C-alpha cells in the first residue's frame, strides 16, 4: 500500500507542477486542468489501442495538453474573457472532445503495451519521469523566459515596460502548464490500465491542495525550490488520503475528504501566518 501510494503521488506530482505554473507563477486560476488531465489520458489510451509506441503517446498527449492551454489563453487575452470563465469554458468543451477521442467513456488498457512493461520496476520508471519533469521545469524557470513568466504573475505592467508581449507569455505559460497536466493524465492511464472520461473531476482541487500543503509545511524555509515543495505536497496529500481510506472510509468519500484536508490546511496556515497557536 505504501509503495502504491508513493507511485500515485509522484504521478500526480507532475500534474501539481502544471498547476503550480498557472496558479502560483502566472497567478491564473486555470480550470482547464480538469479537462486537460483526462485529455492526456484519452489521447494516450486511444493511440495505445492503435499500436503506437507508449512513449510516443506521451509526447502526443503533451502536445494535446499544450493546445488546450493555448485555447484557454487565446480566449482570455484575445476575446477578453475572464480568466476563470475561460478555463471553465475550455474544460467543459474538453469533456465532449475527450469522448470523441476515446469513442466511449472508458478504454481498458490491460492488454496494451505501456511504459511500465520494462526490465525496470514501476517505481524506477515513475521516479525517472518526475525527476525529468522537475529538472526541465527548474531549468526553464531559470531562463530569461522563466523570469519573464514569474514577473508576469507578479506585475503585468513590468513585462510591458520591458517591451515584452504579456499576452503571448500568458498563452505560453498556460500551454506549458496544461502540457504537464496532460502528461500526468497519460502516465496515470498507463499505470492504472484504463482511461476514463471522468477521471479529471477534482483535479484542480487535488493540485491546489498539494501546493497549499507544501507551502504550509515549508512556508518559512525560503530556500526550498517551489517545484520541490509542490512534489512533497503531493506526496503528503496522497499519504493522508491513503491513511484515511485505511481507517475505513469509503472511496466514494474521497471528495469530502479532500475538502476537509484543504480546510484544515488553510486553517493551519492562517494560524501560522498570524502567529497564533495551532493547538
C-alpha atoms as a PDB file:
ATOM      1  CA  UNK A   1       0.000   0.000   0.000  1.00  0.00           C
ATOM      2  CA  UNK A   2       2.856   2.373   0.838  1.00  0.00           C
ATOM      3  CA  UNK A   3       4.582   1.752  -2.484  1.00  0.00           C
ATOM      4  CA  UNK A   4       1.337   2.227  -4.449  1.00  0.00           C
ATOM      5  CA  UNK A   5       0.646   5.476  -2.572  1.00  0.00           C
ATOM      6  CA  UNK A   6       4.099   6.865  -3.364  1.00  0.00           C
ATOM      7  CA  UNK A   7       3.826   5.810  -7.009  1.00  0.00           C
ATOM      8  CA  UNK A   8       0.451   7.517  -7.433  1.00  0.00           C
ATOM      9  CA  UNK A   9       1.581  10.624  -5.558  1.00  0.00           C
ATOM     10  CA  UNK A  10       4.584  11.027  -7.882  1.00  0.00           C
ATOM     11  CA  UNK A  11       2.406  10.617 -10.971  1.00  0.00           C
ATOM     12  CA  UNK A  12       0.017  13.261  -9.648  1.00  0.00           C
ATOM     13  CA  UNK A  13       3.020  15.412  -8.722  1.00  0.00           C
ATOM     14  CA  UNK A  14       3.618  16.032 -12.439  1.00  0.00           C
ATOM     15  CA  UNK A  15       0.084  17.431 -12.604  1.00  0.00           C
ATOM     16  CA  UNK A  16       0.778  19.512  -9.498  1.00  0.00           C
ATOM     17  CA  UNK A  17       3.789  21.036 -11.266  1.00  0.00           C
ATOM     18  CA  UNK A  18       1.433  22.149 -14.023  1.00  0.00           C
ATOM     19  CA  UNK A  19      -0.996  23.674 -11.531  1.00  0.00           C
ATOM     20  CA  UNK A  20       1.973  25.340  -9.823  1.00  0.00           C
ATOM     21  CA  UNK A  21       2.809  27.140 -13.070  1.00  0.00           C
ATOM     22  CA  UNK A  22      -0.692  28.501 -13.644  1.00  0.00           C
ATOM     23  CA  UNK A  23      -1.784  29.302 -10.097  1.00  0.00           C
ATOM     24  CA  UNK A  24       1.462  30.197  -8.356  1.00  0.00           C
ATOM     25  CA  UNK A  25       3.656  31.613 -11.124  1.00  0.00           C
ATOM     26  CA  UNK A  26       1.100  33.114 -13.522  1.00  0.00           C
ATOM     27  CA  UNK A  27      -1.484  33.841 -10.819  1.00  0.00           C
ATOM     28  CA  UNK A  28      -4.066  32.449 -13.250  1.00  0.00           C
ATOM     29  CA  UNK A  29      -6.991  30.375 -11.836  1.00  0.00           C
ATOM     30  CA  UNK A  30      -6.957  27.874 -14.688  1.00  0.00           C
ATOM     31  CA  UNK A  31      -9.840  25.404 -14.561  1.00  0.00           C
ATOM     32  CA  UNK A  32      -8.705  23.876 -17.846  1.00  0.00           C
ATOM     33  CA  UNK A  33      -6.736  21.255 -15.927  1.00  0.00           C
ATOM     34  CA  UNK A  34      -9.915  19.332 -15.066  1.00  0.00           C
ATOM     35  CA  UNK A  35     -10.250  18.754 -18.811  1.00  0.00           C
ATOM     36  CA  UNK A  36      -6.621  18.552 -19.915  1.00  0.00           C
ATOM     37  CA  UNK A  37      -5.840  15.807 -17.369  1.00  0.00           C
ATOM     38  CA  UNK A  38      -8.294  13.309 -18.918  1.00  0.00           C
ATOM     39  CA  UNK A  39      -7.360  14.701 -22.341  1.00  0.00           C
ATOM     40  CA  UNK A  40      -3.834  13.363 -21.889  1.00  0.00           C
ATOM     41  CA  UNK A  41      -5.239  10.027 -20.732  1.00  0.00           C
ATOM     42  CA  UNK A  42      -7.694   9.862 -23.642  1.00  0.00           C
ATOM     43  CA  UNK A  43      -5.062  10.639 -26.272  1.00  0.00           C
ATOM     44  CA  UNK A  44      -2.556   8.172 -24.856  1.00  0.00           C
ATOM     45  CA  UNK A  45      -5.146   5.406 -24.438  1.00  0.00           C
ATOM     46  CA  UNK A  46      -6.548   5.837 -27.921  1.00  0.00           C
ATOM     47  CA  UNK A  47      -3.099   5.733 -29.519  1.00  0.00           C
ATOM     48  CA  UNK A  48      -2.101   2.699 -27.462  1.00  0.00           C
ATOM     49  CA  UNK A  49      -5.085   0.770 -28.825  1.00  0.00           C
ATOM     50  CA  UNK A  50      -3.798   1.611 -32.313  1.00  0.00           C
ATOM     51  CA  UNK A  51      -0.416   0.069 -31.526  1.00  0.00           C
ATOM     52  CA  UNK A  52       1.540   3.321 -31.178  1.00  0.00           C
ATOM     53  CA  UNK A  53       4.718   3.321 -29.072  1.00  0.00           C
ATOM     54  CA  UNK A  54       3.786   4.127 -25.417  1.00  0.00           C
ATOM     55  CA  UNK A  55       6.385   6.888 -25.096  1.00  0.00           C
ATOM     56  CA  UNK A  56       5.249   8.442 -28.352  1.00  0.00           C
ATOM     57  CA  UNK A  57       1.705   8.570 -26.975  1.00  0.00           C
ATOM     58  CA  UNK A  58       3.035  10.602 -24.042  1.00  0.00           C
ATOM     59  CA  UNK A  59       4.549  13.100 -26.461  1.00  0.00           C
ATOM     60  CA  UNK A  60       1.265  13.467 -28.339  1.00  0.00           C
ATOM     61  CA  UNK A  61      -0.572  13.871 -25.016  1.00  0.00           C
ATOM     62  CA  UNK A  62       1.806  16.697 -24.097  1.00  0.00           C
ATOM     63  CA  UNK A  63       1.057  18.441 -27.384  1.00  0.00           C
ATOM     64  CA  UNK A  64      -2.691  17.982 -26.851  1.00  0.00           C
ATOM     65  CA  UNK A  65      -2.452  19.496 -23.368  1.00  0.00           C
ATOM     66  CA  UNK A  66      -0.428  22.425 -24.681  1.00  0.00           C
ATOM     67  CA  UNK A  67      -3.082  23.034 -27.342  1.00  0.00           C
ATOM     68  CA  UNK A  68      -5.814  23.058 -24.689  1.00  0.00           C
ATOM     69  CA  UNK A  69      -3.833  25.609 -22.681  1.00  0.00           C
ATOM     70  CA  UNK A  70      -3.320  27.721 -25.798  1.00  0.00           C
ATOM     71  CA  UNK A  71      -7.072  27.794 -26.446  1.00  0.00           C
ATOM     72  CA  UNK A  72      -7.721  28.982 -22.901  1.00  0.00           C
ATOM     73  CA  UNK A  73      -5.052  31.644 -23.270  1.00  0.00           C
ATOM     74  CA  UNK A  74      -6.405  32.891 -26.596  1.00  0.00           C
ATOM     75  CA  UNK A  75      -9.962  33.060 -25.260  1.00  0.00           C
ATOM     76  CA  UNK A  76      -8.701  35.067 -22.297  1.00  0.00           C
ATOM     77  CA  UNK A  77      -6.264  37.500 -23.933  1.00  0.00           C
ATOM     78  CA  UNK A  78      -7.841  37.863 -27.368  1.00  0.00           C
ATOM     79  CA  UNK A  79     -11.549  37.629 -26.603  1.00  0.00           C
ATOM     80  CA  UNK A  80     -11.184  39.396 -23.248  1.00  0.00           C
ATOM     81  CA  UNK A  81     -12.990  36.630 -21.354  1.00  0.00           C
ATOM     82  CA  UNK A  82     -12.268  36.479 -17.613  1.00  0.00           C
ATOM     83  CA  UNK A  83      -9.515  34.001 -16.723  1.00  0.00           C
ATOM     84  CA  UNK A  84     -11.728  31.783 -14.555  1.00  0.00           C
ATOM     85  CA  UNK A  85     -14.542  31.686 -17.123  1.00  0.00           C
ATOM     86  CA  UNK A  86     -12.131  30.990 -19.994  1.00  0.00           C
ATOM     87  CA  UNK A  87     -10.819  27.922 -18.170  1.00  0.00           C
ATOM     88  CA  UNK A  88     -14.324  26.697 -17.351  1.00  0.00           C
ATOM     89  CA  UNK A  89     -15.420  27.049 -20.976  1.00  0.00           C
ATOM     90  CA  UNK A  90     -12.467  25.045 -22.287  1.00  0.00           C
ATOM     91  CA  UNK A  91     -12.836  22.456 -19.520  1.00  0.00           C
ATOM     92  CA  UNK A  92     -16.491  21.969 -20.475  1.00  0.00           C
ATOM     93  CA  UNK A  93     -15.659  21.659 -24.176  1.00  0.00           C
ATOM     94  CA  UNK A  94     -12.891  19.155 -23.439  1.00  0.00           C
ATOM     95  CA  UNK A  95     -15.392  16.727 -21.919  1.00  0.00           C
ATOM     96  CA  UNK A  96     -17.043  16.309 -25.308  1.00  0.00           C
ATOM     97  CA  UNK A  97     -13.693  16.312 -27.091  1.00  0.00           C
ATOM     98  CA  UNK A  98     -12.363  13.577 -24.830  1.00  0.00           C
ATOM     99  CA  UNK A  99     -15.436  11.452 -25.551  1.00  0.00           C
ATOM    100  CA  UNK A 100     -14.843  11.980 -29.266  1.00  0.00           C
ATOM    101  CA  UNK A 101     -11.212  10.909 -28.954  1.00  0.00           C
ATOM    102  CA  UNK A 102     -11.984   7.825 -26.880  1.00  0.00           C
ATOM    103  CA  UNK A 103     -15.138   6.820 -28.734  1.00  0.00           C
ATOM    104  CA  UNK A 104     -16.628   5.711 -25.430  1.00  0.00           C
ATOM    105  CA  UNK A 105     -16.462   6.703 -21.795  1.00  0.00           C
ATOM    106  CA  UNK A 106     -13.820   4.136 -20.798  1.00  0.00           C
ATOM    107  CA  UNK A 107     -10.902   2.437 -22.584  1.00  0.00           C
ATOM    108  CA  UNK A 108      -9.284  -0.618 -20.902  1.00  0.00           C
ATOM    109  CA  UNK A 109      -5.538  -0.912 -21.465  1.00  0.00           C
ATOM    110  CA  UNK A 110      -4.640  -4.098 -19.619  1.00  0.00           C
ATOM    111  CA  UNK A 111      -3.633  -5.899 -22.820  1.00  0.00           C
ATOM    112  CA  UNK A 112      -1.775  -2.956 -24.351  1.00  0.00           C
ATOM    113  CA  UNK A 113       1.937  -2.220 -24.173  1.00  0.00           C
ATOM    114  CA  UNK A 114       2.814   0.606 -21.796  1.00  0.00           C
ATOM    115  CA  UNK A 115       5.847   2.444 -20.427  1.00  0.00           C
ATOM    116  CA  UNK A 116       5.932   0.173 -17.375  1.00  0.00           C
ATOM    117  CA  UNK A 117       6.474  -3.027 -19.364  1.00  0.00           C
ATOM    118  CA  UNK A 118      10.251  -2.893 -18.973  1.00  0.00           C
ATOM    119  CA  UNK A 119      13.019  -4.602 -17.031  1.00  0.00           C
ATOM    120  CA  UNK A 120      12.896  -1.751 -14.525  1.00  0.00           C
ATOM    121  CA  UNK A 121      10.424  -1.573 -11.661  1.00  0.00           C
ATOM    122  CA  UNK A 122       7.380   0.693 -11.834  1.00  0.00           C
ATOM    123  CA  UNK A 123       8.844   2.890  -9.102  1.00  0.00           C
ATOM    124  CA  UNK A 124      12.085   3.450 -11.024  1.00  0.00           C
ATOM    125  CA  UNK A 125      10.165   4.463 -14.156  1.00  0.00           C
ATOM    126  CA  UNK A 126       7.933   6.884 -12.267  1.00  0.00           C
ATOM    127  CA  UNK A 127      10.840   8.429 -10.352  1.00  0.00           C
ATOM    128  CA  UNK A 128      12.707   8.929 -13.631  1.00  0.00           C
ATOM    129  CA  UNK A 129       9.676  10.665 -15.144  1.00  0.00           C
ATOM    130  CA  UNK A 130       9.066  13.025 -12.204  1.00  0.00           C
ATOM    131  CA  UNK A 131      12.765  13.886 -11.991  1.00  0.00           C
ATOM    132  CA  UNK A 132      12.848  14.646 -15.710  1.00  0.00           C
ATOM    133  CA  UNK A 133       9.756  16.848 -15.375  1.00  0.00           C
ATOM    134  CA  UNK A 134      11.201  18.685 -12.373  1.00  0.00           C
ATOM    135  CA  UNK A 135      14.618  19.219 -13.948  1.00  0.00           C
ATOM    136  CA  UNK A 136      13.087  20.554 -17.166  1.00  0.00           C
ATOM    137  CA  UNK A 137      10.772  22.930 -15.292  1.00  0.00           C
ATOM    138  CA  UNK A 138      13.510  24.139 -12.929  1.00  0.00           C
ATOM    139  CA  UNK A 139      15.786  24.816 -15.880  1.00  0.00           C
ATOM    140  CA  UNK A 140      13.009  26.635 -17.724  1.00  0.00           C
ATOM    141  CA  UNK A 141      12.243  28.869 -14.745  1.00  0.00           C
ATOM    142  CA  UNK A 142      15.902  29.880 -14.507  1.00  0.00           C
ATOM    143  CA  UNK A 143      15.994  31.148 -18.088  1.00  0.00           C
ATOM    144  CA  UNK A 144      15.027  34.630 -19.228  1.00  0.00           C
ATOM    145  CA  UNK A 145      11.725  33.191 -20.355  1.00  0.00           C
ATOM    146  CA  UNK A 146      11.134  31.767 -16.891  1.00  0.00           C
ATOM    147  CA  UNK A 147      11.945  35.036 -15.158  1.00  0.00           C
ATOM    148  CA  UNK A 148       9.528  36.772 -17.526  1.00  0.00           C
ATOM    149  CA  UNK A 149       6.784  34.317 -16.542  1.00  0.00           C
ATOM    150  CA  UNK A 150       7.423  34.996 -12.856  1.00  0.00           C
ATOM    151  CA  UNK A 151       7.357  38.730 -13.440  1.00  0.00           C
ATOM    152  CA  UNK A 152       4.118  38.379 -15.400  1.00  0.00           C
ATOM    153  CA  UNK A 153       2.402  36.776 -12.424  1.00  0.00           C
ATOM    154  CA  UNK A 154       3.682  39.451 -10.049  1.00  0.00           C
ATOM    155  CA  UNK A 155       3.240  42.539 -12.202  1.00  0.00           C
ATOM    156  CA  UNK A 156       1.940  42.612 -15.779  1.00  0.00           C
ATOM    157  CA  UNK A 157       2.967  46.246 -16.173  1.00  0.00           C
ATOM    158  CA  UNK A 158       6.589  45.283 -15.591  1.00  0.00           C
ATOM    159  CA  UNK A 159       6.512  42.919 -18.571  1.00  0.00           C
ATOM    160  CA  UNK A 160       5.020  45.641 -20.739  1.00  0.00           C
ATOM    161  CA  UNK A 161       7.655  48.149 -19.624  1.00  0.00           C
ATOM    162  CA  UNK A 162      10.365  45.694 -20.666  1.00  0.00           C
ATOM    163  CA  UNK A 163       8.976  45.653 -24.186  1.00  0.00           C
ATOM    164  CA  UNK A 164       7.639  42.100 -23.936  1.00  0.00           C
ATOM    165  CA  UNK A 165       4.224  40.935 -25.105  1.00  0.00           C
ATOM    166  CA  UNK A 166       2.475  39.895 -21.893  1.00  0.00           C
ATOM    167  CA  UNK A 167      -0.347  38.249 -23.865  1.00  0.00           C
ATOM    168  CA  UNK A 168       1.982  35.828 -25.624  1.00  0.00           C
ATOM    169  CA  UNK A 169       3.780  34.988 -22.395  1.00  0.00           C
ATOM    170  CA  UNK A 170       0.487  34.235 -20.671  1.00  0.00           C
ATOM    171  CA  UNK A 171      -0.513  31.895 -23.502  1.00  0.00           C
ATOM    172  CA  UNK A 172       2.894  30.201 -23.421  1.00  0.00           C
ATOM    173  CA  UNK A 173       2.630  29.744 -19.660  1.00  0.00           C
ATOM    174  CA  UNK A 174      -0.795  28.131 -19.920  1.00  0.00           C
ATOM    175  CA  UNK A 175       0.464  25.861 -22.679  1.00  0.00           C
ATOM    176  CA  UNK A 176       3.330  24.635 -20.501  1.00  0.00           C
ATOM    177  CA  UNK A 177       1.037  24.224 -17.503  1.00  0.00           C
ATOM    178  CA  UNK A 178      -1.516  22.080 -19.310  1.00  0.00           C
ATOM    179  CA  UNK A 179       1.203  20.120 -21.098  1.00  0.00           C
ATOM    180  CA  UNK A 180       2.427  18.913 -17.687  1.00  0.00           C
ATOM    181  CA  UNK A 181      -1.133  18.159 -16.594  1.00  0.00           C
ATOM    182  CA  UNK A 182      -1.881  16.133 -19.745  1.00  0.00           C
ATOM    183  CA  UNK A 183       1.394  14.224 -19.355  1.00  0.00           C
ATOM    184  CA  UNK A 184       0.370  13.262 -15.822  1.00  0.00           C
ATOM    185  CA  UNK A 185      -3.022  12.040 -17.072  1.00  0.00           C
ATOM    186  CA  UNK A 186      -1.385   9.969 -19.808  1.00  0.00           C
ATOM    187  CA  UNK A 187       1.033   8.343 -17.353  1.00  0.00           C
ATOM    188  CA  UNK A 188      -1.775   7.609 -14.890  1.00  0.00           C
ATOM    189  CA  UNK A 189      -3.853   5.942 -17.613  1.00  0.00           C
ATOM    190  CA  UNK A 190      -0.976   3.614 -18.479  1.00  0.00           C
ATOM    191  CA  UNK A 191      -0.261   2.999 -14.793  1.00  0.00           C
ATOM    192  CA  UNK A 192      -3.809   2.054 -13.771  1.00  0.00           C
ATOM    193  CA  UNK A 193      -4.627   0.255 -17.026  1.00  0.00           C
ATOM    194  CA  UNK A 194      -7.555   2.326 -18.245  1.00  0.00           C
ATOM    195  CA  UNK A 195      -8.629   5.798 -19.253  1.00  0.00           C
ATOM    196  CA  UNK A 196     -11.960   7.229 -18.152  1.00  0.00           C
ATOM    197  CA  UNK A 197     -13.628  10.409 -19.349  1.00  0.00           C
ATOM    198  CA  UNK A 198     -14.456  11.394 -15.770  1.00  0.00           C
ATOM    199  CA  UNK A 199     -11.000  10.851 -14.287  1.00  0.00           C
ATOM    200  CA  UNK A 200     -10.243  14.581 -14.333  1.00  0.00           C
ATOM    201  CA  UNK A 201     -13.024  15.575 -11.950  1.00  0.00           C
ATOM    202  CA  UNK A 202     -11.498  17.398  -8.983  1.00  0.00           C
ATOM    203  CA  UNK A 203      -8.009  17.517 -10.491  1.00  0.00           C
ATOM    204  CA  UNK A 204      -7.681  21.224  -9.792  1.00  0.00           C
ATOM    205  CA  UNK A 205      -8.618  20.704  -6.141  1.00  0.00           C
ATOM    206  CA  UNK A 206      -6.008  17.955  -5.775  1.00  0.00           C
ATOM    207  CA  UNK A 207      -3.375  20.202  -7.334  1.00  0.00           C
ATOM    208  CA  UNK A 208      -4.222  23.173  -5.138  1.00  0.00           C
ATOM    209  CA  UNK A 209      -4.413  21.017  -2.015  1.00  0.00           C
ATOM    210  CA  UNK A 210      -0.935  19.624  -2.710  1.00  0.00           C
ATOM    211  CA  UNK A 211       0.523  23.101  -3.283  1.00  0.00           C
ATOM    212  CA  UNK A 212      -1.133  24.501  -0.152  1.00  0.00           C
ATOM    213  CA  UNK A 213       0.126  21.573   1.934  1.00  0.00           C
ATOM    214  CA  UNK A 214       3.653  22.036   0.596  1.00  0.00           C
ATOM    215  CA  UNK A 215       3.551  25.781   1.264  1.00  0.00           C
ATOM    216  CA  UNK A 216       2.240  25.212   4.777  1.00  0.00           C
ATOM    217  CA  UNK A 217       4.943  22.685   5.613  1.00  0.00           C
ATOM    218  CA  UNK A 218       7.762  24.819   4.210  1.00  0.00           C
ATOM    219  CA  UNK A 219       6.398  28.358   4.420  1.00  0.00           C
ATOM    220  CA  UNK A 220       9.355  29.567   6.477  1.00  0.00           C
ATOM    221  CA  UNK A 221      12.021  27.730   4.533  1.00  0.00           C
ATOM    222  CA  UNK A 222      12.585  30.075   1.643  1.00  0.00           C
ATOM    223  CA  UNK A 223      15.490  28.060   0.277  1.00  0.00           C
ATOM    224  CA  UNK A 224      13.180  25.275  -0.796  1.00  0.00           C
ATOM    225  CA  UNK A 225      12.549  25.316  -4.540  1.00  0.00           C
ATOM    226  CA  UNK A 226       8.891  25.800  -5.430  1.00  0.00           C
ATOM    227  CA  UNK A 227       8.766  22.665  -7.577  1.00  0.00           C
ATOM    228  CA  UNK A 228      10.207  20.600  -4.727  1.00  0.00           C
ATOM    229  CA  UNK A 229       7.543  21.934  -2.366  1.00  0.00           C
ATOM    230  CA  UNK A 230       4.837  21.034  -4.876  1.00  0.00           C
ATOM    231  CA  UNK A 231       6.111  17.448  -5.182  1.00  0.00           C
ATOM    232  CA  UNK A 232       6.403  16.989  -1.424  1.00  0.00           C
ATOM    233  CA  UNK A 233       2.910  18.423  -1.014  1.00  0.00           C
ATOM    234  CA  UNK A 234       1.578  15.854  -3.484  1.00  0.00           C
ATOM    235  CA  UNK A 235       3.194  13.011  -1.542  1.00  0.00           C
ATOM    236  CA  UNK A 236       1.749  14.275   1.759  1.00  0.00           C
ATOM    237  CA  UNK A 237      -1.692  14.700   0.223  1.00  0.00           C
ATOM    238  CA  UNK A 238      -1.841  11.173  -1.197  1.00  0.00           C
ATOM    239  CA  UNK A 239      -0.439   9.871   2.077  1.00  0.00           C
ATOM    240  CA  UNK A 240      -3.230  11.469   4.078  1.00  0.00           C
ATOM    241  CA  UNK A 241      -5.802  10.100   1.614  1.00  0.00           C
ATOM    242  CA  UNK A 242      -4.334   6.587   1.913  1.00  0.00           C
ATOM    243  CA  UNK A 243      -4.310   6.725   5.713  1.00  0.00           C
ATOM    244  CA  UNK A 244      -7.898   7.955   5.776  1.00  0.00           C
ATOM    245  CA  UNK A 245      -9.077   5.153   3.489  1.00  0.00           C
ATOM    246  CA  UNK A 246      -7.198   2.583   5.568  1.00  0.00           C
ATOM    247  CA  UNK A 247      -9.188   3.742   8.602  1.00  0.00           C
ATOM    248  CA  UNK A 248     -12.400   2.538   6.982  1.00  0.00           C
ATOM    249  CA  UNK A 249     -13.611   5.455   4.865  1.00  0.00           C
ATOM    250  CA  UNK A 250     -15.180   4.573   1.512  1.00  0.00           C
ATOM    251  CA  UNK A 251     -13.600   5.521  -1.805  1.00  0.00           C
ATOM    252  CA  UNK A 252     -16.793   7.445  -2.568  1.00  0.00           C
ATOM    253  CA  UNK A 253     -15.887   9.781   0.298  1.00  0.00           C
ATOM    254  CA  UNK A 254     -12.680  10.979  -1.401  1.00  0.00           C
ATOM    255  CA  UNK A 255     -14.134  14.324  -2.493  1.00  0.00           C
ATOM    256  CA  UNK A 256     -15.344  15.068   1.007  1.00  0.00           C
ATOM    257  CA  UNK A 257     -12.001  14.012   2.466  1.00  0.00           C
ATOM    258  CA  UNK A 258     -10.186  16.312   0.038  1.00  0.00           C
ATOM    259  CA  UNK A 259     -12.375  19.257   1.048  1.00  0.00           C
ATOM    260  CA  UNK A 260     -11.733  18.602   4.728  1.00  0.00           C
ATOM    261  CA  UNK A 261      -7.974  18.353   4.140  1.00  0.00           C
ATOM    262  CA  UNK A 262      -7.918  21.684   2.300  1.00  0.00           C
ATOM    263  CA  UNK A 263      -9.987  23.408   5.012  1.00  0.00           C
ATOM    264  CA  UNK A 264      -7.755  22.072   7.798  1.00  0.00           C
ATOM    265  CA  UNK A 265      -4.537  23.022   5.991  1.00  0.00           C
ATOM    266  CA  UNK A 266      -5.858  26.515   5.239  1.00  0.00           C
ATOM    267  CA  UNK A 267      -6.752  26.945   8.908  1.00  0.00           C
ATOM    268  CA  UNK A 268      -3.279  25.784   9.976  1.00  0.00           C
ATOM    269  CA  UNK A 269      -1.691  28.191   7.518  1.00  0.00           C
ATOM    270  CA  UNK A 270      -3.876  31.041   8.789  1.00  0.00           C
ATOM    271  CA  UNK A 271      -2.812  30.300  12.352  1.00  0.00           C
ATOM    272  CA  UNK A 272       0.861  30.252  11.341  1.00  0.00           C
ATOM    273  CA  UNK A 273       0.570  33.499   9.372  1.00  0.00           C
ATOM    274  CA  UNK A 274      -0.931  35.404  12.288  1.00  0.00           C
ATOM    275  CA  UNK A 275       1.479  33.816  14.749  1.00  0.00           C
ATOM    276  CA  UNK A 276      -1.183  32.056  16.731  1.00  0.00           C
ATOM    277  CA  UNK A 277      -1.069  28.630  18.320  1.00  0.00           C
ATOM    278  CA  UNK A 278      -2.392  25.765  16.234  1.00  0.00           C
ATOM    279  CA  UNK A 279      -3.412  23.710  19.253  1.00  0.00           C
END
